[in-house]
C-alpha atoms as a PDB file:
ATOM      1  CA  MET A   1      36.190 -53.112 -32.764  1.00  0.00           C
ATOM      2  CA  GLN A   2      39.850 -52.217 -32.356  1.00  0.00           C
ATOM      3  CA  SER A   3      39.727 -49.933 -35.402  1.00  0.00           C
ATOM      4  CA  GLY A   4      36.260 -48.563 -34.634  1.00  0.00           C
ATOM      5  CA  ALA A   5      34.621 -50.217 -37.640  1.00  0.00           C
ATOM      6  CA  VAL A   6      32.058 -51.917 -35.374  1.00  0.00           C
ATOM      7  CA  LEU A   7      30.709 -50.974 -31.959  1.00  0.00           C
ATOM      8  CA  PHE A   8      29.308 -54.360 -30.886  1.00  0.00           C
ATOM      9  CA  ALA A   9      30.139 -58.017 -31.414  1.00  0.00           C
ATOM     10  CA  VAL A  10      27.891 -60.993 -30.637  1.00  0.00           C
ATOM     11  CA  GLU A  11      29.413 -64.405 -29.949  1.00  0.00           C
ATOM     12  CA  VAL A  12      27.022 -67.342 -30.405  1.00  0.00           C
ATOM     13  CA  PRO A  13      28.336 -70.507 -28.705  1.00  0.00           C
ATOM     14  CA  ALA A  14      28.434 -73.862 -30.431  1.00  0.00           C
ATOM     15  CA  ASN A  15      25.203 -75.903 -30.347  1.00  0.00           C
ATOM     16  CA  PHE A  16      23.238 -72.847 -29.233  1.00  0.00           C
ATOM     17  CA  GLU A  17      20.048 -73.940 -31.020  1.00  0.00           C
ATOM     18  CA  ARG A  18      20.250 -77.476 -29.655  1.00  0.00           C
ATOM     19  CA  ALA A  19      20.624 -76.145 -26.115  1.00  0.00           C
ATOM     20  CA  LEU A  20      17.577 -73.919 -26.623  1.00  0.00           C
ATOM     21  CA  ARG A  21      15.416 -76.811 -27.803  1.00  0.00           C
ATOM     22  CA  ARG A  22      16.470 -78.861 -24.791  1.00  0.00           C
ATOM     23  CA  GLY A  23      15.653 -75.989 -22.416  1.00  0.00           C
ATOM     24  CA  ASP A  24      19.232 -75.683 -21.126  1.00  0.00           C
ATOM     25  CA  ARG A  25      19.203 -71.869 -21.158  1.00  0.00           C
ATOM     26  CA  PRO A  26      22.485 -71.134 -22.979  1.00  0.00           C
ATOM     27  CA  ALA A  27      24.186 -67.731 -22.979  1.00  0.00           C
ATOM     28  CA  LEU A  28      25.215 -65.263 -25.650  1.00  0.00           C
ATOM     29  CA  LEU A  29      28.223 -62.991 -25.228  1.00  0.00           C
ATOM     30  CA  VAL A  30      27.771 -59.365 -26.332  1.00  0.00           C
ATOM     31  CA  ALA A  31      30.982 -57.324 -26.371  1.00  0.00           C
ATOM     32  CA  ALA A  32      30.564 -53.547 -26.651  1.00  0.00           C
ATOM     33  CA  ASP A  33      32.978 -50.726 -27.380  1.00  0.00           C
ATOM     34  CA  ALA A  34      32.500 -48.699 -24.193  1.00  0.00           C
ATOM     35  CA  THR A  35      34.851 -45.848 -25.040  1.00  0.00           C
ATOM     36  CA  ASP A  36      31.614 -43.867 -25.348  1.00  0.00           C
ATOM     37  CA  PRO A  37      29.689 -45.094 -22.274  1.00  0.00           C
ATOM     38  CA  VAL A  38      26.537 -43.134 -23.202  1.00  0.00           C
ATOM     39  CA  ALA A  39      26.127 -44.868 -26.558  1.00  0.00           C
ATOM     40  CA  SER A  40      27.090 -48.341 -25.373  1.00  0.00           C
ATOM     41  CA  GLY A  41      25.091 -48.077 -22.132  1.00  0.00           C
ATOM     42  CA  SER A  42      21.868 -47.214 -23.953  1.00  0.00           C
ATOM     43  CA  ALA A  43      22.302 -50.119 -26.346  1.00  0.00           C
ATOM     44  CA  LEU A  44      23.214 -52.647 -23.668  1.00  0.00           C
ATOM     45  CA  GLY A  45      20.267 -51.506 -21.575  1.00  0.00           C
ATOM     46  CA  THR A  46      17.813 -52.722 -24.226  1.00  0.00           C
ATOM     47  CA  LEU A  47      19.152 -56.285 -24.235  1.00  0.00           C
ATOM     48  CA  GLY A  48      17.018 -57.336 -21.268  1.00  0.00           C
ATOM     49  CA  GLN A  49      13.843 -56.668 -23.216  1.00  0.00           C
ATOM     50  CA  LEU A  50      15.285 -58.506 -26.192  1.00  0.00           C
ATOM     51  CA  VAL A  51      15.732 -61.660 -24.135  1.00  0.00           C
ATOM     52  CA  GLN A  52      12.088 -61.565 -23.100  1.00  0.00           C
ATOM     53  CA  THR A  53      10.664 -61.085 -26.600  1.00  0.00           C
ATOM     54  CA  ALA A  54      13.121 -62.667 -29.052  1.00  0.00           C
ATOM     55  CA  LEU A  55      11.623 -66.190 -28.893  1.00  0.00           C
ATOM     56  CA  ALA A  56       8.077 -65.330 -27.846  1.00  0.00           C
ATOM     57  CA  ASN A  57       6.604 -66.893 -31.006  1.00  0.00           C
ATOM     58  CA  GLU A  58       9.001 -69.807 -31.310  1.00  0.00           C
ATOM     59  CA  HIS A  59       6.955 -72.957 -30.611  1.00  0.00           C
ATOM     60  CA  ALA A  60       9.973 -75.279 -30.839  1.00  0.00           C
ATOM     61  CA  ILE A  61      11.290 -73.899 -27.560  1.00  0.00           C
ATOM     62  CA  PRO A  62       9.853 -75.433 -24.385  1.00  0.00           C
ATOM     63  CA  ASP A  63       7.486 -73.178 -22.467  1.00  0.00           C
ATOM     64  CA  GLN A  64       9.088 -71.769 -19.345  1.00  0.00           C
ATOM     65  CA  THR A  65       8.681 -68.771 -17.118  1.00  0.00           C
ATOM     66  CA  ALA A  66      12.360 -67.873 -17.104  1.00  0.00           C
ATOM     67  CA  PRO A  67      14.053 -66.431 -20.247  1.00  0.00           C
ATOM     68  CA  ALA A  68      15.104 -69.077 -22.763  1.00  0.00           C
ATOM     69  CA  PHE A  69      18.697 -67.779 -22.873  1.00  0.00           C
ATOM     70  CA  ASP A  70      20.987 -65.303 -21.132  1.00  0.00           C
ATOM     71  CA  ILE A  71      23.014 -62.413 -22.489  1.00  0.00           C
ATOM     72  CA  ARG A  72      26.355 -61.791 -20.877  1.00  0.00           C
ATOM     73  CA  GLN A  73      27.611 -58.263 -21.446  1.00  0.00           C
ATOM     74  CA  HIS A  74      31.240 -57.297 -21.745  1.00  0.00           C
ATOM     75  CA  ALA A  75      31.959 -53.562 -21.904  1.00  0.00           C
ATOM     76  CA  ARG A  76      35.441 -53.350 -23.370  1.00  0.00           C
ATOM     77  CA  TYR A  77      37.984 -50.508 -22.978  1.00  0.00           C
ATOM     78  CA  ASN A  78      35.911 -48.782 -20.279  1.00  0.00           C
ATOM     79  CA  PRO A  79      34.154 -51.470 -18.235  1.00  0.00           C
ATOM     80  CA  ALA A  80      33.366 -49.112 -15.348  1.00  0.00           C
ATOM     81  CA  GLY A  81      31.713 -46.595 -17.684  1.00  0.00           C
ATOM     82  CA  LEU A  82      33.830 -43.708 -16.391  1.00  0.00           C
ATOM     83  CA  SER A  83      32.907 -40.467 -18.122  1.00  0.00           C
ATOM     84  CA  GLN A  84      36.385 -38.967 -17.811  1.00  0.00           C
ATOM     85  CA  LEU A  85      37.828 -41.709 -19.996  1.00  0.00           C
ATOM     86  CA  ASN A  86      35.523 -40.509 -22.761  1.00  0.00           C
ATOM     87  CA  ILE A  87      35.565 -36.744 -22.219  1.00  0.00           C
ATOM     88  CA  VAL A  88      39.210 -35.997 -21.405  1.00  0.00           C
ATOM     89  CA  PRO A  89      40.734 -37.478 -24.601  1.00  0.00           C
ATOM     90  CA  GLY A  90      38.124 -35.622 -26.641  1.00  0.00           C
ATOM     91  CA  LEU A  91      39.019 -32.376 -24.881  1.00  0.00           C
ATOM     92  CA  LEU A  92      42.496 -32.682 -26.332  1.00  0.00           C
ATOM     93  CA  GLY A  93      41.105 -32.311 -29.850  1.00  0.00           C
ATOM     94  CA  VAL A  94      38.659 -29.537 -28.933  1.00  0.00           C
ATOM     95  CA  ILE A  95      41.252 -27.389 -27.125  1.00  0.00           C
ATOM     96  CA  LEU A  96      43.838 -27.797 -29.875  1.00  0.00           C
ATOM     97  CA  THR A  97      41.282 -26.874 -32.522  1.00  0.00           C
ATOM     98  CA  LEU A  98      40.252 -23.665 -30.787  1.00  0.00           C
ATOM     99  CA  THR A  99      43.764 -22.421 -30.066  1.00  0.00           C
ATOM    100  CA  MET A 100      45.326 -23.397 -33.400  1.00  0.00           C
ATOM    101  CA  LEU A 101      42.507 -21.815 -35.416  1.00  0.00           C
ATOM    102  CA  ILE A 102      42.749 -18.531 -33.512  1.00  0.00           C
ATOM    103  CA  PHE A 103      46.550 -18.409 -33.782  1.00  0.00           C
ATOM    104  CA  THR A 104      46.722 -18.679 -37.552  1.00  0.00           C
ATOM    105  CA  ALA A 105      43.422 -16.981 -38.378  1.00  0.00           C
ATOM    106  CA  LEU A 106      45.051 -13.761 -37.186  1.00  0.00           C
ATOM    107  CA  SER A 107      48.413 -14.257 -38.873  1.00  0.00           C
ATOM    108  CA  VAL A 108      47.877 -12.584 -42.264  1.00  0.00           C
ATOM    109  CA  THR A 109      45.223 -10.088 -41.171  1.00  0.00           C
ATOM    110  CA  ARG A 110      47.499  -8.872 -38.359  1.00  0.00           C
ATOM    111  CA  GLU A 111      50.269  -8.220 -40.872  1.00  0.00           C
ATOM    112  CA  ILE A 112      47.904  -6.264 -43.112  1.00  0.00           C
ATOM    113  CA  GLU A 113      46.492  -4.137 -40.302  1.00  0.00           C
ATOM    114  CA  ARG A 114      49.945  -3.316 -38.924  1.00  0.00           C
ATOM    115  CA  GLY A 115      51.293  -2.436 -42.371  1.00  0.00           C
ATOM    116  CA  THR A 116      54.109  -4.999 -42.232  1.00  0.00           C
ATOM    117  CA  MET A 117      52.776  -7.114 -45.086  1.00  0.00           C
ATOM    118  CA  GLU A 118      54.645  -4.965 -47.641  1.00  0.00           C
ATOM    119  CA  ASN A 119      57.962  -5.867 -46.047  1.00  0.00           C
ATOM    120  CA  LEU A 120      57.028  -9.532 -46.141  1.00  0.00           C
ATOM    121  CA  LEU A 121      56.006  -9.361 -49.804  1.00  0.00           C
ATOM    122  CA  ALA A 122      59.249  -7.622 -50.748  1.00  0.00           C
ATOM    123  CA  MET A 123      61.240 -10.656 -49.697  1.00  0.00           C
ATOM    124  CA  PRO A 124      62.220 -13.149 -52.461  1.00  0.00           C
ATOM    125  CA  ILE A 125      60.073 -16.013 -51.113  1.00  0.00           C
ATOM    126  CA  ARG A 126      57.071 -17.839 -52.501  1.00  0.00           C
ATOM    127  CA  PRO A 127      53.545 -17.863 -50.973  1.00  0.00           C
ATOM    128  CA  LEU A 128      53.939 -21.492 -49.856  1.00  0.00           C
ATOM    129  CA  GLU A 129      57.152 -20.625 -48.041  1.00  0.00           C
ATOM    130  CA  ILE A 130      55.435 -17.705 -46.316  1.00  0.00           C
ATOM    131  CA  MET A 131      52.640 -20.019 -45.203  1.00  0.00           C
ATOM    132  CA  LEU A 132      55.028 -22.659 -43.882  1.00  0.00           C
ATOM    133  CA  GLY A 133      57.005 -19.999 -42.062  1.00  0.00           C
ATOM    134  CA  LYS A 134      53.817 -18.748 -40.426  1.00  0.00           C
ATOM    135  CA  ILE A 135      52.482 -22.095 -39.221  1.00  0.00           C
ATOM    136  CA  THR A 136      55.709 -23.937 -38.325  1.00  0.00           C
ATOM    137  CA  PRO A 137      56.257 -22.176 -34.959  1.00  0.00           C
ATOM    138  CA  TYR A 138      52.651 -22.874 -34.004  1.00  0.00           C
ATOM    139  CA  ILE A 139      53.149 -26.588 -34.638  1.00  0.00           C
ATOM    140  CA  GLY A 140      55.678 -26.605 -31.823  1.00  0.00           C
ATOM    141  CA  ILE A 141      53.304 -24.650 -29.581  1.00  0.00           C
ATOM    142  CA  GLY A 142      50.461 -27.048 -30.370  1.00  0.00           C
ATOM    143  CA  PHE A 143      52.664 -30.062 -29.657  1.00  0.00           C
ATOM    144  CA  LEU A 144      53.686 -28.601 -26.292  1.00  0.00           C
ATOM    145  CA  GLN A 145      50.064 -27.838 -25.472  1.00  0.00           C
ATOM    146  CA  ALA A 146      49.032 -31.390 -26.386  1.00  0.00           C
ATOM    147  CA  ALA A 147      51.789 -32.838 -24.189  1.00  0.00           C
ATOM    148  CA  LEU A 148      50.590 -30.813 -21.198  1.00  0.00           C
ATOM    149  CA  ILE A 149      46.984 -31.947 -21.727  1.00  0.00           C
ATOM    150  CA  VAL A 150      48.005 -35.608 -22.032  1.00  0.00           C
ATOM    151  CA  VAL A 151      50.095 -35.420 -18.860  1.00  0.00           C
ATOM    152  CA  ALA A 152      47.173 -33.807 -17.021  1.00  0.00           C
ATOM    153  CA  ALA A 153      44.824 -36.495 -18.348  1.00  0.00           C
ATOM    154  CA  VAL A 154      47.054 -39.276 -17.033  1.00  0.00           C
ATOM    155  CA  VAL A 155      48.035 -37.707 -13.715  1.00  0.00           C
ATOM    156  CA  LEU A 156      44.847 -35.910 -12.694  1.00  0.00           C
ATOM    157  CA  PHE A 157      42.109 -38.006 -14.317  1.00  0.00           C
ATOM    158  CA  GLY A 158      43.711 -41.450 -14.510  1.00  0.00           C
ATOM    159  CA  VAL A 159      43.260 -41.833 -18.260  1.00  0.00           C
ATOM    160  CA  PRO A 160      45.470 -44.690 -19.480  1.00  0.00           C
ATOM    161  CA  ILE A 161      47.657 -44.660 -22.582  1.00  0.00           C
ATOM    162  CA  LEU A 162      47.543 -48.219 -23.857  1.00  0.00           C
ATOM    163  CA  GLY A 163      48.859 -47.483 -27.339  1.00  0.00           C
ATOM    164  CA  ASP A 164      52.150 -46.221 -28.731  1.00  0.00           C
ATOM    165  CA  VAL A 165      52.928 -42.693 -27.491  1.00  0.00           C
ATOM    166  CA  SER A 166      55.051 -41.973 -30.570  1.00  0.00           C
ATOM    167  CA  GLU A 167      52.117 -42.732 -32.872  1.00  0.00           C
ATOM    168  CA  LEU A 168      49.923 -40.456 -30.778  1.00  0.00           C
ATOM    169  CA  ALA A 169      52.541 -37.713 -31.104  1.00  0.00           C
ATOM    170  CA  VAL A 170      52.796 -38.091 -34.890  1.00  0.00           C
ATOM    171  CA  LEU A 171      49.036 -38.061 -35.437  1.00  0.00           C
ATOM    172  CA  THR A 172      48.627 -35.130 -33.031  1.00  0.00           C
ATOM    173  CA  THR A 173      51.199 -33.174 -35.044  1.00  0.00           C
ATOM    174  CA  LEU A 174      49.237 -33.994 -38.208  1.00  0.00           C
ATOM    175  CA  PHE A 175      46.035 -32.789 -36.563  1.00  0.00           C
ATOM    176  CA  VAL A 176      47.684 -29.562 -35.407  1.00  0.00           C
ATOM    177  CA  ALA A 177      49.030 -28.915 -38.926  1.00  0.00           C
ATOM    178  CA  THR A 178      45.563 -29.495 -40.377  1.00  0.00           C
ATOM    179  CA  ASN A 179      43.957 -26.938 -38.067  1.00  0.00           C
ATOM    180  CA  LEU A 180      46.742 -24.448 -38.688  1.00  0.00           C
ATOM    181  CA  SER A 181      46.207 -24.793 -42.447  1.00  0.00           C
ATOM    182  CA  ILE A 182      42.476 -24.172 -42.036  1.00  0.00           C
ATOM    183  CA  GLY A 183      43.121 -21.177 -39.804  1.00  0.00           C
ATOM    184  CA  TYR A 184      45.572 -19.771 -42.339  1.00  0.00           C
ATOM    185  CA  THR A 185      42.882 -20.145 -45.002  1.00  0.00           C
ATOM    186  CA  PHE A 186      40.544 -18.019 -42.883  1.00  0.00           C
ATOM    187  CA  SER A 187      43.252 -15.386 -42.520  1.00  0.00           C
ATOM    188  CA  THR A 188      43.505 -15.075 -46.314  1.00  0.00           C
ATOM    189  CA  LEU A 189      39.723 -14.736 -46.639  1.00  0.00           C
ATOM    190  CA  ALA A 190      39.188 -12.200 -43.860  1.00  0.00           C
ATOM    191  CA  GLN A 191      39.793  -8.482 -44.290  1.00  0.00           C
ATOM    192  CA  ASN A 192      40.449  -7.772 -40.618  1.00  0.00           C
ATOM    193  CA  GLN A 193      41.151  -9.608 -37.377  1.00  0.00           C
ATOM    194  CA  LEU A 194      37.528  -9.486 -36.223  1.00  0.00           C
ATOM    195  CA  GLN A 195      36.352 -11.292 -39.341  1.00  0.00           C
ATOM    196  CA  ALA A 196      39.120 -13.856 -38.938  1.00  0.00           C
ATOM    197  CA  VAL A 197      38.098 -14.630 -35.351  1.00  0.00           C
ATOM    198  CA  GLN A 198      34.438 -14.879 -36.355  1.00  0.00           C
ATOM    199  CA  MET A 199      35.268 -17.344 -39.137  1.00  0.00           C
ATOM    200  CA  ALA A 200      37.341 -19.420 -36.755  1.00  0.00           C
ATOM    201  CA  MET A 201      34.544 -19.575 -34.187  1.00  0.00           C
ATOM    202  CA  MET A 202      31.927 -20.454 -36.811  1.00  0.00           C
ATOM    203  CA  PHE A 203      34.132 -23.354 -37.881  1.00  0.00           C
ATOM    204  CA  PHE A 204      34.866 -24.391 -34.304  1.00  0.00           C
ATOM    205  CA  LEU A 205      31.233 -24.803 -33.239  1.00  0.00           C
ATOM    206  CA  PRO A 206      30.314 -27.626 -35.683  1.00  0.00           C
ATOM    207  CA  ASN A 207      33.620 -29.299 -34.851  1.00  0.00           C
ATOM    208  CA  MET A 208      32.559 -29.449 -31.208  1.00  0.00           C
ATOM    209  CA  LEU A 209      28.906 -30.398 -31.821  1.00  0.00           C
ATOM    210  CA  LEU A 210      29.147 -32.835 -34.757  1.00  0.00           C
ATOM    211  CA  SER A 211      32.408 -34.655 -34.037  1.00  0.00           C
ATOM    212  CA  GLY A 212      31.095 -37.176 -31.526  1.00  0.00           C
ATOM    213  CA  PHE A 213      32.705 -35.308 -28.628  1.00  0.00           C
ATOM    214  CA  LEU A 214      29.489 -34.123 -26.967  1.00  0.00           C
ATOM    215  CA  PHE A 215      27.000 -36.568 -28.510  1.00  0.00           C
ATOM    216  CA  PRO A 216      27.365 -40.169 -29.724  1.00  0.00           C
ATOM    217  CA  PHE A 217      28.321 -39.967 -33.392  1.00  0.00           C
ATOM    218  CA  ALA A 218      26.230 -42.981 -34.427  1.00  0.00           C
ATOM    219  CA  GLY A 219      23.155 -41.459 -32.801  1.00  0.00           C
ATOM    220  CA  MET A 220      23.227 -38.286 -34.896  1.00  0.00           C
ATOM    221  CA  PRO A 221      21.115 -37.868 -38.069  1.00  0.00           C
ATOM    222  CA  LYS A 222      22.728 -39.033 -41.290  1.00  0.00           C
ATOM    223  CA  TRP A 223      23.189 -35.505 -42.618  1.00  0.00           C
ATOM    224  CA  ALA A 224      25.009 -34.558 -39.413  1.00  0.00           C
ATOM    225  CA  GLN A 225      27.257 -37.603 -39.744  1.00  0.00           C
ATOM    226  CA  TYR A 226      28.123 -36.626 -43.329  1.00  0.00           C
ATOM    227  CA  VAL A 227      29.035 -33.123 -42.189  1.00  0.00           C
ATOM    228  CA  GLY A 228      30.973 -34.510 -39.246  1.00  0.00           C
ATOM    229  CA  GLU A 229      33.123 -36.674 -41.506  1.00  0.00           C
ATOM    230  CA  THR A 230      34.469 -33.503 -43.148  1.00  0.00           C
ATOM    231  CA  LEU A 231      35.651 -32.041 -39.832  1.00  0.00           C
ATOM    232  CA  PRO A 232      39.157 -32.674 -38.435  1.00  0.00           C
ATOM    233  CA  VAL A 233      38.041 -33.124 -34.818  1.00  0.00           C
ATOM    234  CA  THR A 234      35.808 -36.063 -35.761  1.00  0.00           C
ATOM    235  CA  HIS A 235      38.760 -38.081 -36.979  1.00  0.00           C
ATOM    236  CA  TYR A 236      41.136 -36.951 -34.257  1.00  0.00           C
ATOM    237  CA  VAL A 237      38.714 -37.802 -31.440  1.00  0.00           C
ATOM    238  CA  ARG A 238      38.519 -41.331 -32.840  1.00  0.00           C
ATOM    239  CA  ILE A 239      42.295 -41.486 -33.074  1.00  0.00           C
ATOM    240  CA  VAL A 240      43.082 -40.251 -29.565  1.00  0.00           C
ATOM    241  CA  ARG A 241      40.400 -42.387 -27.914  1.00  0.00           C
ATOM    242  CA  SER A 242      41.524 -45.475 -29.799  1.00  0.00           C
ATOM    243  CA  ILE A 243      45.210 -45.041 -28.987  1.00  0.00           C
ATOM    244  CA  MET A 244      44.718 -44.129 -25.331  1.00  0.00           C
ATOM    245  CA  LEU A 245      41.874 -46.496 -24.419  1.00  0.00           C
ATOM    246  CA  LYS A 246      42.127 -49.357 -26.933  1.00  0.00           C
ATOM    247  CA  GLY A 247      45.837 -49.498 -27.668  1.00  0.00           C
ATOM    248  CA  SER A 248      45.144 -49.201 -31.396  1.00  0.00           C
ATOM    249  CA  SER A 249      48.000 -48.833 -33.863  1.00  0.00           C
ATOM    250  CA  LEU A 250      48.387 -46.736 -36.984  1.00  0.00           C
ATOM    251  CA  ALA A 251      47.236 -49.694 -39.074  1.00  0.00           C
ATOM    252  CA  ASP A 252      43.885 -49.587 -37.265  1.00  0.00           C
ATOM    253  CA  LEU A 253      43.565 -45.822 -37.723  1.00  0.00           C
ATOM    254  CA  GLN A 254      44.756 -45.399 -41.296  1.00  0.00           C
ATOM    255  CA  VAL A 255      41.346 -44.225 -42.563  1.00  0.00           C
ATOM    256  CA  ASP A 256      41.106 -41.369 -40.058  1.00  0.00           C
ATOM    257  CA  ALA A 257      44.782 -40.488 -40.552  1.00  0.00           C
ATOM    258  CA  ALA A 258      44.262 -40.351 -44.326  1.00  0.00           C
ATOM    259  CA  ALA A 259      41.233 -38.103 -43.830  1.00  0.00           C
ATOM    260  CA  LEU A 260      43.359 -35.629 -41.841  1.00  0.00           C
ATOM    261  CA  VAL A 261      45.983 -35.621 -44.587  1.00  0.00           C
ATOM    262  CA  VAL A 262      43.340 -34.891 -47.235  1.00  0.00           C
ATOM    263  CA  LEU A 263      41.836 -32.062 -45.184  1.00  0.00           C
ATOM    264  CA  MET A 264      45.280 -30.547 -44.616  1.00  0.00           C
ATOM    265  CA  VAL A 265      46.198 -30.673 -48.325  1.00  0.00           C
ATOM    266  CA  VAL A 266      42.879 -29.122 -49.351  1.00  0.00           C
ATOM    267  CA  ALA A 267      43.217 -26.324 -46.789  1.00  0.00           C
ATOM    268  CA  MET A 268      46.825 -25.618 -47.802  1.00  0.00           C
ATOM    269  CA  THR A 269      45.884 -25.489 -51.478  1.00  0.00           C
ATOM    270  CA  ILE A 270      43.082 -23.009 -50.855  1.00  0.00           C
ATOM    271  CA  ALA A 271      45.245 -20.888 -48.567  1.00  0.00           C
ATOM    272  CA  VAL A 272      48.165 -20.659 -51.008  1.00  0.00           C
ATOM    273  CA  THR A 273      45.810 -19.917 -53.920  1.00  0.00           C
ATOM    274  CA  ARG A 274      44.052 -17.171 -51.985  1.00  0.00           C
ATOM    275  CA  PHE A 275      47.335 -15.684 -50.788  1.00  0.00           C
ATOM    276  CA  ARG A 276      48.727 -15.628 -54.323  1.00  0.00           C
ATOM    277  CA  ARG A 277      45.637 -13.746 -55.468  1.00  0.00           C
ATOM    278  CA  THR A 278      46.229 -11.263 -52.670  1.00  0.00           C
ATOM    279  CA  LEU A 279      49.721 -10.689 -54.004  1.00  0.00           C
ATOM    280  CA  ASP A 280      48.389 -10.123 -57.516  1.00  0.00           C
END
């Protein structure tokens, strides 16, 4: 549950079956990951019906009007079910995605439209160095923007930060670099700034809809989950919610961190390849 691998855990006490046969009405403990209160609340709400029907055909249990056992619910990480604890950390990923994509999607196309690309190409530097020079300043801007959003989340909305702030900063920088690489790829594909902005927006919409930010990820169709796993926001939303609400460490989030690294490398490779073709 700490790493997000499971959403619910059921603890069956010792001698549970014996207590049932004796009519002692034992209790089960169901712990739920309530970082997404919509998903966990719907699931926990069905447990009452389960208690009534689970042992309806079990003749070894004494007949009684009351339920044969109880279910005690424990909503972890967000016991009050506050929506801001779920939405505000996700907003960090959504806002960074939109701004970082727009920034770099316009970088190359702006140079071409202004006629300054020839001066840039005349310099004795390689395409990768041009790309790094373009996105490096925006990494600092993205980091500053993320810091302001986190401070606002803590001060204005009372969102806790239970994990290591330095790990959150490192993974946020990785996420920013991934989005900048994707935006730079769009800038090499587009022929003008309008096309670049349109590509960025078309990529932003599935990031917002299929990442688990607006809708519970586990409740989406399988095809939508497969698409969502290829989007940076999906992995970053899990990371920021886990660090802020669960106190998770990098060891718990290594799968999502690795996914961001892979997406960044793929985007950089495509961008450099496309830019080199532009030079040729």
